[in-house]
Protein backbone atom coordinates (compact mmCIF):
# COMPACT_ATOMS: atom_id res chain seq x y z
CA ASN A 1 114.03 105.82 127.11
CA LEU A 2 111.57 108.33 125.69
CA SER A 3 113.97 109.70 123.01
CA PHE A 4 114.59 106.21 121.79
CA LEU A 5 110.87 105.55 121.55
CA GLY A 6 110.39 108.70 119.72
CA MET A 7 113.14 107.90 117.28
CA PHE A 8 111.60 104.41 116.76
CA LEU A 9 108.05 105.69 116.15
CA ALA A 10 109.35 108.41 113.79
CA ALA A 11 111.27 105.85 111.69
CA LEU A 12 108.31 103.45 111.83
CA SER A 13 105.97 106.09 110.39
CA MET A 14 108.47 107.23 107.57
CA SER A 15 109.13 103.64 106.60
CA LEU A 16 105.37 102.97 106.46
CA GLY A 17 105.02 105.78 103.94
CA HIS A 18 108.00 104.54 102.03
CA CYS A 19 106.53 100.99 101.92
CA VAL A 20 103.07 101.97 100.90
CA GLY A 21 104.26 104.37 98.06
CA MET A 22 106.87 102.14 96.59
CA CYS A 23 106.01 98.61 97.20
CA GLY A 24 102.19 98.95 97.86
CA GLY A 25 101.11 98.83 94.29
CA ILE A 26 103.20 95.81 93.49
CA VAL A 27 102.16 93.83 96.40
CA SER A 28 98.46 94.80 95.89
CA ALA A 29 98.71 93.51 92.37
CA PHE A 30 100.14 90.34 93.46
CA SER A 31 97.29 90.02 96.07
CA GLN A 32 94.67 90.31 93.29
CA ILE A 33 95.93 86.87 92.14
CA ARG A 34 94.42 85.56 95.32
CA PHE A 35 90.92 86.24 94.26
CA SER A 36 91.39 84.09 91.00
CA LYS A 37 90.17 80.50 91.15
CA ILE A 38 92.98 79.52 88.67
CA THR A 39 95.96 80.14 90.92
CA SER A 40 96.96 77.96 93.78
CA PHE A 41 98.39 78.98 97.05
CA SER A 42 101.81 77.70 96.10
CA TYR A 43 101.85 79.94 93.01
CA GLN A 44 100.78 82.90 95.13
CA LEU A 45 103.65 82.06 97.59
CA THR A 46 106.17 81.67 94.94
CA CYS A 47 105.21 85.22 93.41
CA HIS A 48 105.69 86.87 96.71
CA ALA A 49 108.81 84.91 97.62
CA LEU A 50 110.52 85.86 94.20
CA TYR A 51 109.36 89.50 94.66
CA ASN A 52 110.96 89.72 98.06
CA VAL A 53 114.17 87.86 96.97
CA GLY A 54 114.52 90.10 93.95
CA ARG A 55 113.97 93.32 96.15
CA ILE A 56 116.38 92.35 98.85
CA SER A 57 119.01 91.03 96.49
CA THR A 58 118.70 94.34 94.58
CA TYR A 59 119.27 96.37 97.76
CA MET A 60 122.34 94.17 98.66
CA LEU A 61 123.74 94.57 95.08
CA LEU A 62 123.29 98.35 95.13
CA GLY A 63 124.84 98.31 98.60
CA ALA A 64 127.84 96.39 97.52
CA ILE A 65 128.43 98.56 94.44
CA THR A 66 128.24 101.62 96.60
CA ALA A 67 130.61 100.19 99.13
CA GLY A 68 133.04 99.17 96.44
CA LEU A 69 132.92 102.68 94.77
CA GLY A 70 133.38 104.24 98.28
CA HIS A 71 136.40 101.96 99.03
CA SER A 72 138.04 102.47 95.65
CA LEU A 73 137.91 106.27 95.93
CA SER A 74 139.48 106.18 99.35
CA VAL A 75 139.85 110.02 99.77
CA GLY A 76 141.76 111.72 102.62
CA MET A 77 139.96 112.70 105.87
CA GLY A 78 139.91 116.41 105.09
CA PHE A 79 138.42 116.03 101.64
CA ARG A 80 135.92 113.44 103.18
CA GLY A 81 134.60 115.88 105.56
CA VAL A 82 133.97 118.41 102.63
CA LEU A 83 132.45 115.73 100.53
CA LEU A 84 130.02 114.67 103.33
CA ILE A 85 129.02 118.34 104.03
CA GLY A 86 128.43 118.91 100.35
CA MET A 87 126.32 115.72 100.08
CA GLY A 88 124.26 116.88 103.07
CA VAL A 89 123.66 120.33 101.52
CA VAL A 90 122.45 118.50 98.25
CA LEU A 91 120.15 116.16 100.18
CA ILE A 92 118.72 119.19 102.14
CA LEU A 93 118.21 121.09 98.91
CA LEU A 94 116.53 118.05 97.18
CA ALA A 95 114.10 117.93 100.25
CA LEU A 96 113.20 121.45 100.18
CA LEU A 97 112.85 121.82 96.40
CA GLY A 98 111.44 118.35 95.74
């Protein structure tokens, strides 16, 4: 399906920019260890593994906290719609002004 392919390519290009901008510096700093004669392959692998475990567990923790807050608020459907529209407007304003 052409629309699915277009969405996939758009998401891939946007995620590439995010990864290069946010994680690229850290990963390239870890990669500089590779050129040192002091560090072993197992040390490099440990550094990369710890970085990724920390990154993924942080995303999981933030998601769990957000889900818990959302569940504890448990607002009515009418207010939820207003809240979602308000959040959408804020995101659009942040995108336009940021």
